[in-house]
Amino acid sequence: MKVSTISEHPQHDVTMEGAANTRMRMLIGPDDGAESFHMRHFEIAPGGHTPHHAHDYEHEIVVLHGTGVARSDEGDRPMSPGTVLWIPANEKHQMRNTGAEPLEVICLIPAPHNCTS
Protein backbone atom coordinates (compact mmCIF):
# COMPACT_ATOMS: atom_id res chain seq x y z
CA MET A 1 0.00 0.00 0.00
CA LYS A 2 1.22 3.48 -0.83
CA VAL A 3 0.19 6.36 1.39
CA SER A 4 1.36 9.88 0.57
CA THR A 5 0.22 13.46 0.20
CA ILE A 6 -0.15 15.36 -3.06
CA SER A 7 2.65 17.77 -2.14
CA GLU A 8 5.15 14.91 -1.71
CA HIS A 9 5.12 14.25 -5.46
CA PRO A 10 7.31 16.31 -7.80
CA GLN A 11 5.46 18.76 -10.00
CA HIS A 12 6.44 19.21 -13.65
CA ASP A 13 5.39 21.68 -16.33
CA VAL A 14 3.03 20.28 -18.96
CA THR A 15 5.00 20.83 -22.16
CA MET A 16 2.46 19.44 -24.63
CA GLU A 17 1.82 21.92 -27.45
CA GLY A 18 -1.15 24.13 -26.61
CA ALA A 19 -0.72 24.00 -22.82
CA ALA A 20 -0.13 27.19 -20.85
CA ASN A 21 0.73 27.61 -17.18
CA THR A 22 -0.18 24.02 -16.31
CA ARG A 23 1.74 21.67 -14.03
CA MET A 24 1.26 17.97 -13.26
CA ARG A 25 2.15 15.53 -10.48
CA MET A 26 2.05 11.77 -11.04
CA LEU A 27 0.40 10.54 -7.83
CA ILE A 28 0.15 6.87 -8.76
CA GLY A 29 1.70 5.54 -11.94
CA PRO A 30 4.23 3.29 -13.61
CA ASP A 31 6.86 3.76 -10.90
CA ASP A 32 4.37 2.39 -8.38
CA GLY A 33 3.55 -0.68 -10.48
CA ALA A 34 0.03 0.59 -11.17
CA GLU A 35 -1.26 -1.75 -13.87
CA SER A 36 -4.84 -0.54 -14.36
CA PHE A 37 -4.98 3.22 -13.71
CA HIS A 38 -2.70 6.22 -13.32
CA MET A 39 -3.71 9.06 -11.00
CA ARG A 40 -2.47 12.57 -11.72
CA HIS A 41 -2.86 15.97 -10.09
CA PHE A 42 -3.01 19.00 -12.38
CA GLU A 43 -2.60 22.59 -11.24
CA ILE A 44 -3.58 25.25 -13.76
CA ALA A 45 -2.60 28.83 -12.93
CA PRO A 46 -5.09 31.68 -13.42
CA GLY A 47 -5.45 32.23 -17.17
CA GLY A 48 -3.79 28.88 -17.90
CA HIS A 49 -5.15 25.88 -19.76
CA THR A 50 -4.45 22.38 -20.93
CA PRO A 51 -4.18 21.72 -24.70
CA HIS A 52 -7.40 21.38 -26.69
CA HIS A 53 -6.85 17.76 -27.66
CA ALA A 54 -8.23 14.22 -27.75
CA HIS A 55 -6.92 10.81 -26.66
CA ASP A 56 -7.80 7.25 -27.65
CA TYR A 57 -8.78 6.54 -24.03
CA GLU A 58 -11.31 7.90 -21.56
CA HIS A 59 -10.46 9.79 -18.43
CA GLU A 60 -12.19 10.81 -15.25
CA ILE A 61 -11.62 14.13 -13.48
CA VAL A 62 -12.69 15.66 -10.17
CA VAL A 63 -12.14 19.33 -9.35
CA LEU A 64 -10.52 19.95 -5.96
CA HIS A 65 -9.96 23.72 -5.95
CA GLY A 66 -10.59 26.78 -8.10
CA THR A 67 -12.94 27.54 -10.97
CA GLY A 68 -12.78 27.08 -14.68
CA VAL A 69 -14.45 25.69 -17.74
CA ALA A 70 -14.31 22.31 -19.40
CA ARG A 71 -14.28 22.94 -23.15
CA SER A 72 -15.60 20.36 -25.61
CA ASP A 73 -17.21 20.38 -29.04
CA GLU A 74 -20.51 20.79 -27.17
CA GLY A 75 -19.36 24.10 -25.64
CA ASP A 76 -17.92 25.28 -22.34
CA ARG A 77 -19.18 23.91 -19.04
CA PRO A 78 -18.39 25.54 -15.69
CA MET A 79 -16.22 23.68 -13.17
CA SER A 80 -15.81 24.29 -9.43
CA PRO A 81 -14.83 22.17 -6.42
CA GLY A 82 -16.78 18.91 -6.47
CA THR A 83 -17.43 18.92 -10.23
CA VAL A 84 -16.89 15.46 -11.74
CA LEU A 85 -16.17 14.95 -15.45
CA TRP A 86 -16.09 11.83 -17.62
CA ILE A 87 -14.39 12.39 -20.96
CA PRO A 88 -14.97 9.58 -23.47
CA ALA A 89 -12.19 8.33 -25.71
CA ASN A 90 -11.49 10.54 -28.74
CA GLU A 91 -13.56 13.49 -27.47
CA LYS A 92 -11.76 16.81 -27.90
CA HIS A 93 -11.44 18.58 -24.55
CA GLN A 94 -9.63 21.29 -22.63
CA MET A 95 -9.60 22.63 -19.07
CA ARG A 96 -9.27 26.41 -18.66
CA ASN A 97 -8.79 28.32 -15.43
CA THR A 98 -11.19 31.28 -15.41
CA GLY A 99 -10.69 32.20 -11.76
CA ALA A 100 -8.19 34.12 -9.65
CA GLU A 101 -6.78 31.05 -7.86
CA PRO A 102 -5.10 27.87 -9.13
CA LEU A 103 -7.48 25.29 -10.60
CA GLU A 104 -6.59 21.88 -9.14
CA VAL A 105 -7.97 18.60 -10.46
CA ILE A 106 -7.35 14.89 -10.04
CA CYS A 107 -7.35 12.99 -13.34
CA LEU A 108 -7.47 9.21 -13.79
CA ILE A 109 -6.46 7.47 -16.99
CA PRO A 110 -6.09 3.81 -17.91
CA ALA A 111 -2.53 2.50 -17.79
CA PRO A 112 -0.29 2.51 -19.72
CA HIS A 113 -0.71 5.71 -21.71
CA ASN A 114 1.05 9.03 -22.21
CA CYS A 115 0.93 10.47 -18.74
CA THR A 116 1.67 14.13 -19.40
CA SER A 117 -1.67 15.50 -20.51
C-alpha atoms as a PDB file:
ATOM      1  CA  MET A   1       0.000   0.000   0.000  1.00  0.00           C
ATOM      2  CA  LYS A   2       1.223   3.476  -0.833  1.00  0.00           C
ATOM      3  CA  VAL A   3       0.189   6.360   1.385  1.00  0.00           C
ATOM      4  CA  SER A   4       1.361   9.875   0.569  1.00  0.00           C
ATOM      5  CA  THR A   5       0.222  13.460   0.202  1.00  0.00           C
ATOM      6  CA  ILE A   6      -0.153  15.365  -3.061  1.00  0.00           C
ATOM      7  CA  SER A   7       2.648  17.766  -2.140  1.00  0.00           C
ATOM      8  CA  GLU A   8       5.150  14.907  -1.713  1.00  0.00           C
ATOM      9  CA  HIS A   9       5.122  14.249  -5.463  1.00  0.00           C
ATOM     10  CA  PRO A  10       7.308  16.306  -7.797  1.00  0.00           C
ATOM     11  CA  GLN A  11       5.458  18.763  -9.999  1.00  0.00           C
ATOM     12  CA  HIS A  12       6.439  19.213 -13.653  1.00  0.00           C
ATOM     13  CA  ASP A  13       5.390  21.680 -16.334  1.00  0.00           C
ATOM     14  CA  VAL A  14       3.030  20.276 -18.961  1.00  0.00           C
ATOM     15  CA  THR A  15       4.999  20.829 -22.162  1.00  0.00           C
ATOM     16  CA  MET A  16       2.461  19.441 -24.628  1.00  0.00           C
ATOM     17  CA  GLU A  17       1.820  21.919 -27.451  1.00  0.00           C
ATOM     18  CA  GLY A  18      -1.153  24.130 -26.611  1.00  0.00           C
ATOM     19  CA  ALA A  19      -0.723  23.995 -22.822  1.00  0.00           C
ATOM     20  CA  ALA A  20      -0.133  27.188 -20.848  1.00  0.00           C
ATOM     21  CA  ASN A  21       0.726  27.614 -17.181  1.00  0.00           C
ATOM     22  CA  THR A  22      -0.180  24.018 -16.310  1.00  0.00           C
ATOM     23  CA  ARG A  23       1.742  21.670 -14.027  1.00  0.00           C
ATOM     24  CA  MET A  24       1.261  17.969 -13.259  1.00  0.00           C
ATOM     25  CA  ARG A  25       2.154  15.535 -10.478  1.00  0.00           C
ATOM     26  CA  MET A  26       2.050  11.772 -11.036  1.00  0.00           C
ATOM     27  CA  LEU A  27       0.405  10.539  -7.835  1.00  0.00           C
ATOM     28  CA  ILE A  28       0.151   6.868  -8.763  1.00  0.00           C
ATOM     29  CA  GLY A  29       1.700   5.544 -11.940  1.00  0.00           C
ATOM     30  CA  PRO A  30       4.229   3.290 -13.614  1.00  0.00           C
ATOM     31  CA  ASP A  31       6.862   3.756 -10.904  1.00  0.00           C
ATOM     32  CA  ASP A  32       4.367   2.390  -8.379  1.00  0.00           C
ATOM     33  CA  GLY A  33       3.553  -0.677 -10.476  1.00  0.00           C
ATOM     34  CA  ALA A  34       0.025   0.590 -11.168  1.00  0.00           C
ATOM     35  CA  GLU A  35      -1.256  -1.750 -13.874  1.00  0.00           C
ATOM     36  CA  SER A  36      -4.841  -0.539 -14.356  1.00  0.00           C
ATOM     37  CA  PHE A  37      -4.976   3.218 -13.710  1.00  0.00           C
ATOM     38  CA  HIS A  38      -2.704   6.221 -13.324  1.00  0.00           C
ATOM     39  CA  MET A  39      -3.707   9.056 -10.996  1.00  0.00           C
ATOM     40  CA  ARG A  40      -2.467  12.567 -11.724  1.00  0.00           C
ATOM     41  CA  HIS A  41      -2.864  15.968 -10.093  1.00  0.00           C
ATOM     42  CA  PHE A  42      -3.008  19.003 -12.376  1.00  0.00           C
ATOM     43  CA  GLU A  43      -2.603  22.590 -11.243  1.00  0.00           C
ATOM     44  CA  ILE A  44      -3.583  25.247 -13.757  1.00  0.00           C
ATOM     45  CA  ALA A  45      -2.604  28.831 -12.928  1.00  0.00           C
ATOM     46  CA  PRO A  46      -5.086  31.680 -13.424  1.00  0.00           C
ATOM     47  CA  GLY A  47      -5.454  32.231 -17.169  1.00  0.00           C
ATOM     48  CA  GLY A  48      -3.790  28.883 -17.904  1.00  0.00           C
ATOM     49  CA  HIS A  49      -5.153  25.880 -19.764  1.00  0.00           C
ATOM     50  CA  THR A  50      -4.450  22.375 -20.935  1.00  0.00           C
ATOM     51  CA  PRO A  51      -4.181  21.719 -24.698  1.00  0.00           C
ATOM     52  CA  HIS A  52      -7.403  21.382 -26.691  1.00  0.00           C
ATOM     53  CA  HIS A  53      -6.853  17.764 -27.663  1.00  0.00           C
ATOM     54  CA  ALA A  54      -8.226  14.217 -27.748  1.00  0.00           C
ATOM     55  CA  HIS A  55      -6.923  10.807 -26.665  1.00  0.00           C
ATOM     56  CA  ASP A  56      -7.802   7.252 -27.652  1.00  0.00           C
ATOM     57  CA  TYR A  57      -8.780   6.537 -24.026  1.00  0.00           C
ATOM     58  CA  GLU A  58     -11.308   7.905 -21.557  1.00  0.00           C
ATOM     59  CA  HIS A  59     -10.456   9.787 -18.428  1.00  0.00           C
ATOM     60  CA  GLU A  60     -12.193  10.814 -15.251  1.00  0.00           C
ATOM     61  CA  ILE A  61     -11.624  14.128 -13.478  1.00  0.00           C
ATOM     62  CA  VAL A  62     -12.688  15.658 -10.165  1.00  0.00           C
ATOM     63  CA  VAL A  63     -12.135  19.329  -9.347  1.00  0.00           C
ATOM     64  CA  LEU A  64     -10.519  19.953  -5.962  1.00  0.00           C
ATOM     65  CA  HIS A  65      -9.962  23.720  -5.954  1.00  0.00           C
ATOM     66  CA  GLY A  66     -10.592  26.775  -8.095  1.00  0.00           C
ATOM     67  CA  THR A  67     -12.937  27.544 -10.966  1.00  0.00           C
ATOM     68  CA  GLY A  68     -12.776  27.085 -14.684  1.00  0.00           C
ATOM     69  CA  VAL A  69     -14.453  25.691 -17.744  1.00  0.00           C
ATOM     70  CA  ALA A  70     -14.307  22.309 -19.402  1.00  0.00           C
ATOM     71  CA  ARG A  71     -14.277  22.939 -23.146  1.00  0.00           C
ATOM     72  CA  SER A  72     -15.601  20.359 -25.608  1.00  0.00           C
ATOM     73  CA  ASP A  73     -17.210  20.384 -29.040  1.00  0.00           C
ATOM     74  CA  GLU A  74     -20.510  20.789 -27.172  1.00  0.00           C
ATOM     75  CA  GLY A  75     -19.362  24.096 -25.644  1.00  0.00           C
ATOM     76  CA  ASP A  76     -17.925  25.276 -22.338  1.00  0.00           C
ATOM     77  CA  ARG A  77     -19.184  23.907 -19.038  1.00  0.00           C
ATOM     78  CA  PRO A  78     -18.385  25.540 -15.690  1.00  0.00           C
ATOM     79  CA  MET A  79     -16.224  23.680 -13.166  1.00  0.00           C
ATOM     80  CA  SER A  80     -15.811  24.290  -9.434  1.00  0.00           C
ATOM     81  CA  PRO A  81     -14.834  22.171  -6.418  1.00  0.00           C
ATOM     82  CA  GLY A  82     -16.780  18.912  -6.466  1.00  0.00           C
ATOM     83  CA  THR A  83     -17.425  18.925 -10.227  1.00  0.00           C
ATOM     84  CA  VAL A  84     -16.892  15.464 -11.742  1.00  0.00           C
ATOM     85  CA  LEU A  85     -16.174  14.948 -15.450  1.00  0.00           C
ATOM     86  CA  TRP A  86     -16.093  11.835 -17.624  1.00  0.00           C
ATOM     87  CA  ILE A  87     -14.385  12.391 -20.957  1.00  0.00           C
ATOM     88  CA  PRO A  88     -14.975   9.584 -23.469  1.00  0.00           C
ATOM     89  CA  ALA A  89     -12.188   8.332 -25.708  1.00  0.00           C
ATOM     90  CA  ASN A  90     -11.491  10.540 -28.744  1.00  0.00           C
ATOM     91  CA  GLU A  91     -13.560  13.487 -27.473  1.00  0.00           C
ATOM     92  CA  LYS A  92     -11.762  16.812 -27.895  1.00  0.00           C
ATOM     93  CA  HIS A  93     -11.442  18.584 -24.551  1.00  0.00           C
ATOM     94  CA  GLN A  94      -9.626  21.294 -22.627  1.00  0.00           C
ATOM     95  CA  MET A  95      -9.601  22.631 -19.066  1.00  0.00           C
ATOM     96  CA  ARG A  96      -9.273  26.410 -18.663  1.00  0.00           C
ATOM     97  CA  ASN A  97      -8.787  28.318 -15.429  1.00  0.00           C
ATOM     98  CA  THR A  98     -11.189  31.278 -15.408  1.00  0.00           C
ATOM     99  CA  GLY A  99     -10.686  32.199 -11.759  1.00  0.00           C
ATOM    100  CA  ALA A 100      -8.192  34.123  -9.651  1.00  0.00           C
ATOM    101  CA  GLU A 101      -6.782  31.052  -7.856  1.00  0.00           C
ATOM    102  CA  PRO A 102      -5.104  27.869  -9.135  1.00  0.00           C
ATOM    103  CA  LEU A 103      -7.481  25.287 -10.604  1.00  0.00           C
ATOM    104  CA  GLU A 104      -6.586  21.879  -9.144  1.00  0.00           C
ATOM    105  CA  VAL A 105      -7.966  18.596 -10.458  1.00  0.00           C
ATOM    106  CA  ILE A 106      -7.353  14.894 -10.035  1.00  0.00           C
ATOM    107  CA  CYS A 107      -7.352  12.990 -13.339  1.00  0.00           C
ATOM    108  CA  LEU A 108      -7.465   9.206 -13.786  1.00  0.00           C
ATOM    109  CA  ILE A 109      -6.461   7.469 -16.994  1.00  0.00           C
ATOM    110  CA  PRO A 110      -6.086   3.812 -17.907  1.00  0.00           C
ATOM    111  CA  ALA A 111      -2.529   2.498 -17.787  1.00  0.00           C
ATOM    112  CA  PRO A 112      -0.287   2.508 -19.720  1.00  0.00           C
ATOM    113  CA  HIS A 113      -0.710   5.712 -21.709  1.00  0.00           C
ATOM    114  CA  ASN A 114       1.051   9.026 -22.213  1.00  0.00           C
ATOM    115  CA  CYS A 115       0.931  10.468 -18.740  1.00  0.00           C
ATOM    116  CA  THR A 116       1.674  14.128 -19.396  1.00  0.00           C
ATOM    117  CA  SER A 117      -1.673  15.501 -20.508  1.00  0.00           C
END
